[in-house]
């Protein structure tokens, strides 16, 4: 749980088999999460959001040529919250 939180959505362009693009996005996300931890923040990736890609794309007006890979919530961790 976070005391204050932000959220990022990672989309990838629909290119070829998408495997290499998804791999690049995964490496970016790992670096992003590690940089958060190095600065005292916490982050949690949410791949389940890809099941709601059409809804997210419609609400945010994201072009059809982009695929929702996952989201990342991040912020200041609430150390008092029972995990």
PDB file of N, CA and C in Angstrom:
ATOM      1  N   UNK A   1       0.846  -1.172   0.000  1.00  0.00           N
ATOM      2  CA  UNK A   1       0.000   0.000   0.000  1.00  0.00           C
ATOM      3  C   UNK A   1       0.891   1.235   0.000  1.00  0.00           C
ATOM      4  N   UNK A   2       0.381   2.275  -0.626  1.00  0.00           N
ATOM      5  CA  UNK A   2       1.124   3.522  -0.721  1.00  0.00           C
ATOM      6  C   UNK A   2       0.396   4.623   0.023  1.00  0.00           C
ATOM      7  N   UNK A   3       1.167   5.513   0.657  1.00  0.00           N
ATOM      8  CA  UNK A   3       0.570   6.702   1.274  1.00  0.00           C
ATOM      9  C   UNK A   3       0.206   7.710   0.200  1.00  0.00           C
ATOM     10  N   UNK A   4       1.106   7.926  -0.726  1.00  0.00           N
ATOM     11  CA  UNK A   4       0.849   8.777  -1.893  1.00  0.00           C
ATOM     12  C   UNK A   4       1.264   7.963  -3.103  1.00  0.00           C
ATOM     13  N   UNK A   5       0.441   7.941  -4.124  1.00  0.00           N
ATOM     14  CA  UNK A   5       0.739   7.078  -5.256  1.00  0.00           C
ATOM     15  C   UNK A   5       0.530   7.782  -6.587  1.00  0.00           C
ATOM     16  N   UNK A   6       1.270   7.304  -7.564  1.00  0.00           N
ATOM     17  CA  UNK A   6       1.115   7.706  -8.962  1.00  0.00           C
ATOM     18  C   UNK A   6       0.988   6.430  -9.768  1.00  0.00           C
ATOM     19  N   UNK A   7       0.651   6.582 -11.027  1.00  0.00           N
ATOM     20  CA  UNK A   7       0.448   5.411 -11.856  1.00  0.00           C
ATOM     21  C   UNK A   7       0.950   5.693 -13.259  1.00  0.00           C
ATOM     22  N   UNK A   8       1.632   4.727 -13.837  1.00  0.00           N
ATOM     23  CA  UNK A   8       2.115   4.834 -15.215  1.00  0.00           C
ATOM     24  C   UNK A   8       1.572   3.657 -16.015  1.00  0.00           C
ATOM     25  N   UNK A   9       1.208   3.913 -17.254  1.00  0.00           N
ATOM     26  CA  UNK A   9       0.771   2.861 -18.162  1.00  0.00           C
ATOM     27  C   UNK A   9       1.822   2.731 -19.250  1.00  0.00           C
ATOM     28  N   UNK A  10       2.271   1.514 -19.519  1.00  0.00           N
ATOM     29  CA  UNK A  10       3.272   1.284 -20.550  1.00  0.00           C
ATOM     30  C   UNK A  10       2.625   0.653 -21.772  1.00  0.00           C
ATOM     31  N   UNK A  11       2.654   1.390 -22.853  1.00  0.00           N
ATOM     32  CA  UNK A  11       2.142   0.927 -24.139  1.00  0.00           C
ATOM     33  C   UNK A  11       3.325   0.619 -25.047  1.00  0.00           C
ATOM     34  N   UNK A  12       3.138  -0.337 -25.926  1.00  0.00           N
ATOM     35  CA  UNK A  12       4.158  -0.638 -26.921  1.00  0.00           C
ATOM     36  C   UNK A  12       3.528  -0.508 -28.303  1.00  0.00           C
ATOM     37  N   UNK A  13       4.328  -0.077 -29.286  1.00  0.00           N
ATOM     38  CA  UNK A  13       3.776  -0.027 -30.641  1.00  0.00           C
ATOM     39  C   UNK A  13       3.625  -1.441 -31.194  1.00  0.00           C
ATOM     40  N   UNK A  14       2.601  -1.644 -31.997  1.00  0.00           N
ATOM     41  CA  UNK A  14       2.369  -2.946 -32.627  1.00  0.00           C
ATOM     42  C   UNK A  14       3.349  -3.073 -33.798  1.00  0.00           C
ATOM     43  N   UNK A  15       4.485  -3.730 -33.541  1.00  0.00           N
ATOM     44  CA  UNK A  15       5.531  -3.884 -34.552  1.00  0.00           C
ATOM     45  C   UNK A  15       5.929  -5.352 -34.618  1.00  0.00           C
ATOM     46  N   UNK A  16       5.833  -5.943 -35.777  1.00  0.00           N
ATOM     47  CA  UNK A  16       6.257  -7.331 -35.948  1.00  0.00           C
ATOM     48  C   UNK A  16       5.555  -8.266 -34.978  1.00  0.00           C
ATOM     49  N   UNK A  17       6.348  -9.111 -34.325  1.00  0.00           N
ATOM     50  CA  UNK A  17       5.769 -10.086 -33.396  1.00  0.00           C
ATOM     51  C   UNK A  17       5.616  -9.527 -31.978  1.00  0.00           C
ATOM     52  N   UNK A  18       5.982  -8.296 -31.753  1.00  0.00           N
ATOM     53  CA  UNK A  18       5.883  -7.589 -30.462  1.00  0.00           C
ATOM     54  C   UNK A  18       6.805  -8.133 -29.388  1.00  0.00           C
ATOM     55  N   UNK A  19       7.466  -9.262 -29.617  1.00  0.00           N
ATOM     56  CA  UNK A  19       8.303  -9.864 -28.578  1.00  0.00           C
ATOM     57  C   UNK A  19       9.478  -8.964 -28.230  1.00  0.00           C
ATOM     58  N   UNK A  20      10.173  -8.456 -29.225  1.00  0.00           N
ATOM     59  CA  UNK A  20      11.342  -7.617 -28.967  1.00  0.00           C
ATOM     60  C   UNK A  20      10.947  -6.281 -28.343  1.00  0.00           C
ATOM     61  N   UNK A  21       9.841  -5.727 -28.797  1.00  0.00           N
ATOM     62  CA  UNK A  21       9.366  -4.466 -28.239  1.00  0.00           C
ATOM     63  C   UNK A  21       8.944  -4.659 -26.779  1.00  0.00           C
ATOM     64  N   UNK A  22       8.243  -5.748 -26.496  1.00  0.00           N
ATOM     65  CA  UNK A  22       7.838  -6.051 -25.119  1.00  0.00           C
ATOM     66  C   UNK A  22       9.061  -6.293 -24.246  1.00  0.00           C
ATOM     67  N   UNK A  23      10.078  -6.910 -24.797  1.00  0.00           N
ATOM     68  CA  UNK A  23      11.318  -7.140 -24.049  1.00  0.00           C
ATOM     69  C   UNK A  23      11.976  -5.809 -23.687  1.00  0.00           C
ATOM     70  N   UNK A  24      12.025  -4.884 -24.638  1.00  0.00           N
ATOM     71  CA  UNK A  24      12.583  -3.550 -24.367  1.00  0.00           C
ATOM     72  C   UNK A  24      11.794  -2.845 -23.266  1.00  0.00           C
ATOM     73  N   UNK A  25      10.468  -2.933 -23.340  1.00  0.00           N
ATOM     74  CA  UNK A  25       9.618  -2.299 -22.332  1.00  0.00           C
ATOM     75  C   UNK A  25       9.827  -2.946 -20.966  1.00  0.00           C
ATOM     76  N   UNK A  26      10.047  -4.249 -20.942  1.00  0.00           N
ATOM     77  CA  UNK A  26      10.314  -4.943 -19.682  1.00  0.00           C
ATOM     78  C   UNK A  26      11.621  -4.494 -19.046  1.00  0.00           C
ATOM     79  N   UNK A  27      12.643  -4.326 -19.887  1.00  0.00           N
ATOM     80  CA  UNK A  27      13.928  -3.837 -19.352  1.00  0.00           C
ATOM     81  C   UNK A  27      13.795  -2.410 -18.844  1.00  0.00           C
ATOM     82  N   UNK A  28      13.024  -1.587 -19.549  1.00  0.00           N
ATOM     83  CA  UNK A  28      12.780  -0.223 -19.086  1.00  0.00           C
ATOM     84  C   UNK A  28      12.078  -0.254 -17.731  1.00  0.00           C
ATOM     85  N   UNK A  29      11.024  -1.073 -17.616  1.00  0.00           N
ATOM     86  CA  UNK A  29      10.260  -1.141 -16.368  1.00  0.00           C
ATOM     87  C   UNK A  29      11.131  -1.612 -15.210  1.00  0.00           C
ATOM     88  N   UNK A  30      11.991  -2.591 -15.462  1.00  0.00           N
ATOM     89  CA  UNK A  30      12.878  -3.071 -14.402  1.00  0.00           C
ATOM     90  C   UNK A  30      13.803  -1.950 -13.927  1.00  0.00           C
ATOM     91  N   UNK A  31      14.362  -1.211 -14.862  1.00  0.00           N
ATOM     92  CA  UNK A  31      15.238  -0.092 -14.501  1.00  0.00           C
ATOM     93  C   UNK A  31      14.458   0.979 -13.754  1.00  0.00           C
ATOM     94  N   UNK A  32      13.233   1.252 -14.193  1.00  0.00           N
ATOM     95  CA  UNK A  32      12.387   2.229 -13.521  1.00  0.00           C
ATOM     96  C   UNK A  32      12.107   1.809 -12.076  1.00  0.00           C
ATOM     97  N   UNK A  33      11.726   0.538 -11.872  1.00  0.00           N
ATOM     98  CA  UNK A  33      11.444   0.038 -10.529  1.00  0.00           C
ATOM     99  C   UNK A  33      12.686   0.070  -9.639  1.00  0.00           C
ATOM    100  N   UNK A  34      13.843  -0.281 -10.201  1.00  0.00           N
ATOM    101  CA  UNK A  34      15.082  -0.231  -9.426  1.00  0.00           C
ATOM    102  C   UNK A  34      15.464   1.199  -9.067  1.00  0.00           C
ATOM    103  N   UNK A  35      15.234   2.133  -9.973  1.00  0.00           N
ATOM    104  CA  UNK A  35      15.546   3.527  -9.672  1.00  0.00           C
ATOM    105  C   UNK A  35      14.612   4.086  -8.596  1.00  0.00           C
ATOM    106  N   UNK A  36      13.353   3.641  -8.604  1.00  0.00           N
ATOM    107  CA  UNK A  36      12.438   4.026  -7.525  1.00  0.00           C
ATOM    108  C   UNK A  36      12.965   3.547  -6.177  1.00  0.00           C
ATOM    109  N   UNK A  37      13.354   2.269  -6.121  1.00  0.00           N
ATOM    110  CA  UNK A  37      13.853   1.686  -4.873  1.00  0.00           C
ATOM    111  C   UNK A  37      15.119   2.393  -4.399  1.00  0.00           C
ATOM    112  N   UNK A  38      15.977   2.767  -5.325  1.00  0.00           N
ATOM    113  CA  UNK A  38      17.221   3.450  -4.962  1.00  0.00           C
ATOM    114  C   UNK A  38      16.955   4.825  -4.348  1.00  0.00           C
ATOM    115  N   UNK A  39      15.792   5.384  -4.623  1.00  0.00           N
ATOM    116  CA  UNK A  39      15.436   6.701  -4.102  1.00  0.00           C
ATOM    117  C   UNK A  39      14.435   6.625  -2.953  1.00  0.00           C
ATOM    118  N   UNK A  40      14.187   5.425  -2.451  1.00  0.00           N
ATOM    119  CA  UNK A  40      13.319   5.262  -1.295  1.00  0.00           C
ATOM    120  C   UNK A  40      11.841   5.133  -1.610  1.00  0.00           C
ATOM    121  N   UNK A  41      11.506   4.931  -2.859  1.00  0.00           N
ATOM    122  CA  UNK A  41      10.111   4.752  -3.251  1.00  0.00           C
ATOM    123  C   UNK A  41       9.841   3.273  -3.523  1.00  0.00           C
ATOM    124  N   UNK A  42       8.581   2.948  -3.705  1.00  0.00           N
ATOM    125  CA  UNK A  42       8.203   1.570  -4.018  1.00  0.00           C
ATOM    126  C   UNK A  42       7.378   1.574  -5.297  1.00  0.00           C
ATOM    127  N   UNK A  43       7.381   0.443  -5.998  1.00  0.00           N
ATOM    128  CA  UNK A  43       6.599   0.324  -7.210  1.00  0.00           C
ATOM    129  C   UNK A  43       6.099  -1.096  -7.395  1.00  0.00           C
ATOM    130  N   UNK A  44       4.933  -1.224  -8.030  1.00  0.00           N
ATOM    131  CA  UNK A  44       4.334  -2.530  -8.264  1.00  0.00           C
ATOM    132  C   UNK A  44       3.819  -2.583  -9.705  1.00  0.00           C
ATOM    133  N   UNK A  45       4.319  -3.545 -10.510  1.00  0.00           N
ATOM    134  CA  UNK A  45       3.783  -3.691 -11.870  1.00  0.00           C
ATOM    135  C   UNK A  45       2.453  -4.446 -11.854  1.00  0.00           C
ATOM    136  N   UNK A  46       1.577  -4.120 -12.817  1.00  0.00           N
ATOM    137  CA  UNK A  46       0.256  -4.733 -12.891  1.00  0.00           C
ATOM    138  C   UNK A  46      -0.008  -5.199 -14.320  1.00  0.00           C
ATOM    139  N   UNK A  47       0.333  -6.425 -14.620  1.00  0.00           N
ATOM    140  CA  UNK A  47       0.131  -6.970 -15.968  1.00  0.00           C
ATOM    141  C   UNK A  47      -1.335  -7.260 -16.251  1.00  0.00           C
ATOM    142  N   UNK A  48      -2.137  -7.448 -15.225  1.00  0.00           N
ATOM    143  CA  UNK A  48      -3.553  -7.773 -15.416  1.00  0.00           C
ATOM    144  C   UNK A  48      -4.287  -6.662 -16.167  1.00  0.00           C
ATOM    145  N   UNK A  49      -3.750  -5.465 -16.161  1.00  0.00           N
ATOM    146  CA  UNK A  49      -4.406  -4.360 -16.866  1.00  0.00           C
ATOM    147  C   UNK A  49      -4.515  -4.607 -18.360  1.00  0.00           C
ATOM    148  N   UNK A  50      -3.652  -5.443 -18.891  1.00  0.00           N
ATOM    149  CA  UNK A  50      -3.716  -5.717 -20.332  1.00  0.00           C
ATOM    150  C   UNK A  50      -5.052  -6.364 -20.720  1.00  0.00           C
ATOM    151  N   UNK A  51      -5.731  -6.984 -19.768  1.00  0.00           N
ATOM    152  CA  UNK A  51      -7.055  -7.544 -20.045  1.00  0.00           C
ATOM    153  C   UNK A  51      -8.101  -6.455 -20.304  1.00  0.00           C
ATOM    154  N   UNK A  52      -7.786  -5.241 -19.871  1.00  0.00           N
ATOM    155  CA  UNK A  52      -8.707  -4.106 -20.023  1.00  0.00           C
ATOM    156  C   UNK A  52      -8.176  -3.078 -21.010  1.00  0.00           C
ATOM    157  N   UNK A  53      -7.331  -3.531 -21.929  1.00  0.00           N
ATOM    158  CA  UNK A  53      -6.653  -2.630 -22.862  1.00  0.00           C
ATOM    159  C   UNK A  53      -7.626  -1.801 -23.689  1.00  0.00           C
ATOM    160  N   UNK A  54      -8.687  -2.416 -24.188  1.00  0.00           N
ATOM    161  CA  UNK A  54      -9.636  -1.672 -25.024  1.00  0.00           C
ATOM    162  C   UNK A  54     -10.301  -0.543 -24.236  1.00  0.00           C
ATOM    163  N   UNK A  55     -10.648  -0.813 -22.999  1.00  0.00           N
ATOM    164  CA  UNK A  55     -11.274   0.212 -22.157  1.00  0.00           C
ATOM    165  C   UNK A  55     -10.303   1.347 -21.884  1.00  0.00           C
ATOM    166  N   UNK A  56      -9.079   1.014 -21.515  1.00  0.00           N
ATOM    167  CA  UNK A  56      -8.056   2.031 -21.239  1.00  0.00           C
ATOM    168  C   UNK A  56      -7.770   2.838 -22.500  1.00  0.00           C
ATOM    169  N   UNK A  57      -7.620   2.161 -23.627  1.00  0.00           N
ATOM    170  CA  UNK A  57      -7.336   2.846 -24.896  1.00  0.00           C
ATOM    171  C   UNK A  57      -8.461   3.831 -25.231  1.00  0.00           C
ATOM    172  N   UNK A  58      -9.697   3.407 -25.034  1.00  0.00           N
ATOM    173  CA  UNK A  58     -10.840   4.269 -25.331  1.00  0.00           C
ATOM    174  C   UNK A  58     -10.884   5.487 -24.390  1.00  0.00           C
ATOM    175  N   UNK A  59     -10.690   5.250 -23.089  1.00  0.00           N
ATOM    176  CA  UNK A  59     -10.759   6.340 -22.114  1.00  0.00           C
ATOM    177  C   UNK A  59      -9.648   7.364 -22.303  1.00  0.00           C
ATOM    178  N   UNK A  60      -8.463   6.901 -22.696  1.00  0.00           N
ATOM    179  CA  UNK A  60      -7.307   7.792 -22.852  1.00  0.00           C
ATOM    180  C   UNK A  60      -7.080   8.215 -24.297  1.00  0.00           C
ATOM    181  N   UNK A  61      -7.937   7.743 -25.197  1.00  0.00           N
ATOM    182  CA  UNK A  61      -7.826   8.082 -26.612  1.00  0.00           C
ATOM    183  C   UNK A  61      -6.465   7.680 -27.193  1.00  0.00           C
ATOM    184  N   UNK A  62      -6.030   6.481 -26.869  1.00  0.00           N
ATOM    185  CA  UNK A  62      -4.756   5.952 -27.362  1.00  0.00           C
ATOM    186  C   UNK A  62      -5.001   5.313 -28.732  1.00  0.00           C
ATOM    187  N   UNK A  63      -4.173   5.631 -29.724  1.00  0.00           N
ATOM    188  CA  UNK A  63      -4.365   5.055 -31.062  1.00  0.00           C
ATOM    189  C   UNK A  63      -4.333   3.525 -31.053  1.00  0.00           C
ATOM    190  N   UNK A  64      -5.036   2.940 -31.996  1.00  0.00           N
ATOM    191  CA  UNK A  64      -5.162   1.481 -32.095  1.00  0.00           C
ATOM    192  C   UNK A  64      -3.818   0.782 -32.296  1.00  0.00           C
ATOM    193  N   UNK A  65      -2.821   1.479 -32.831  1.00  0.00           N
ATOM    194  CA  UNK A  65      -1.523   0.872 -33.114  1.00  0.00           C
ATOM    195  C   UNK A  65      -0.649   0.654 -31.896  1.00  0.00           C
ATOM    196  N   UNK A  66      -1.157   0.929 -30.711  1.00  0.00           N
ATOM    197  CA  UNK A  66      -0.386   0.729 -29.477  1.00  0.00           C
ATOM    198  C   UNK A  66      -1.076  -0.292 -28.592  1.00  0.00           C
ATOM    199  N   UNK A  67      -0.292  -1.141 -27.970  1.00  0.00           N
ATOM    200  CA  UNK A  67      -0.807  -2.205 -27.097  1.00  0.00           C
ATOM    201  C   UNK A  67      -0.438  -1.894 -25.645  1.00  0.00           C
ATOM    202  N   UNK A  68      -1.409  -2.020 -24.768  1.00  0.00           N
ATOM    203  CA  UNK A  68      -1.149  -1.838 -23.342  1.00  0.00           C
ATOM    204  C   UNK A  68      -0.432  -3.071 -22.823  1.00  0.00           C
ATOM    205  N   UNK A  69       0.785  -2.901 -22.358  1.00  0.00           N
ATOM    206  CA  UNK A  69       1.564  -4.025 -21.850  1.00  0.00           C
ATOM    207  C   UNK A  69       1.283  -4.231 -20.363  1.00  0.00           C
ATOM    208  N   UNK A  70       1.390  -3.174 -19.574  1.00  0.00           N
ATOM    209  CA  UNK A  70       1.082  -3.232 -18.151  1.00  0.00           C
ATOM    210  C   UNK A  70       1.118  -1.834 -17.564  1.00  0.00           C
ATOM    211  N   UNK A  71       0.738  -1.741 -16.310  1.00  0.00           N
ATOM    212  CA  UNK A  71       0.812  -0.487 -15.572  1.00  0.00           C
ATOM    213  C   UNK A  71       1.752  -0.655 -14.396  1.00  0.00           C
ATOM    214  N   UNK A  72       2.211   0.458 -13.852  1.00  0.00           N
ATOM    215  CA  UNK A  72       3.053   0.433 -12.656  1.00  0.00           C
ATOM    216  C   UNK A  72       2.510   1.483 -11.700  1.00  0.00           C
ATOM    217  N   UNK A  73       2.115   1.050 -10.506  1.00  0.00           N
ATOM    218  CA  UNK A  73       1.778   2.015  -9.461  1.00  0.00           C
ATOM    219  C   UNK A  73       3.050   2.236  -8.653  1.00  0.00           C
ATOM    220  N   UNK A  74       3.258   3.473  -8.236  1.00  0.00           N
ATOM    221  CA  UNK A  74       4.481   3.773  -7.484  1.00  0.00           C
ATOM    222  C   UNK A  74       4.238   4.960  -6.562  1.00  0.00           C
ATOM    223  N   UNK A  75       5.037   5.014  -5.521  1.00  0.00           N
ATOM    224  CA  UNK A  75       4.903   6.109  -4.568  1.00  0.00           C
ATOM    225  C   UNK A  75       5.640   5.815  -3.287  1.00  0.00           C
ATOM    226  N   UNK A  76       5.198   6.480  -2.242  1.00  0.00           N
ATOM    227  CA  UNK A  76       5.803   6.318  -0.923  1.00  0.00           C
ATOM    228  C   UNK A  76       5.102   5.169  -0.225  1.00  0.00           C
ATOM    229  N   UNK A  77       5.886   4.182   0.148  1.00  0.00           N
ATOM    230  CA  UNK A  77       5.340   2.987   0.782  1.00  0.00           C
ATOM    231  C   UNK A  77       4.806   3.307   2.178  1.00  0.00           C
ATOM    232  N   UNK A  78       3.650   2.747   2.518  1.00  0.00           N
ATOM    233  CA  UNK A  78       3.069   2.903   3.842  1.00  0.00           C
ATOM    234  C   UNK A  78       3.583   1.761   4.706  1.00  0.00           C
ATOM    235  N   UNK A  79       4.554   2.056   5.538  1.00  0.00           N
ATOM    236  CA  UNK A  79       5.195   1.023   6.368  1.00  0.00           C
ATOM    237  C   UNK A  79       4.268   0.500   7.464  1.00  0.00           C
ATOM    238  N   UNK A  80       3.184   1.217   7.763  1.00  0.00           N
ATOM    239  CA  UNK A  80       2.270   0.780   8.822  1.00  0.00           C
ATOM    240  C   UNK A  80       1.166  -0.144   8.299  1.00  0.00           C
ATOM    241  N   UNK A  81       1.036  -0.251   6.991  1.00  0.00           N
ATOM    242  CA  UNK A  81      -0.020  -1.086   6.406  1.00  0.00           C
ATOM    243  C   UNK A  81       0.358  -2.571   6.540  1.00  0.00           C
ATOM    244  N   UNK A  82      -0.567  -3.399   7.057  1.00  0.00           N
ATOM    245  CA  UNK A  82      -0.266  -4.836   7.148  1.00  0.00           C
ATOM    246  C   UNK A  82      -0.253  -5.457   5.756  1.00  0.00           C
ATOM    247  N   UNK A  83       0.845  -6.072   5.413  1.00  0.00           N
ATOM    248  CA  UNK A  83       0.964  -6.652   4.055  1.00  0.00           C
ATOM    249  C   UNK A  83       0.510  -8.074   4.002  1.00  0.00           C
TER     250      UNK A  83
END
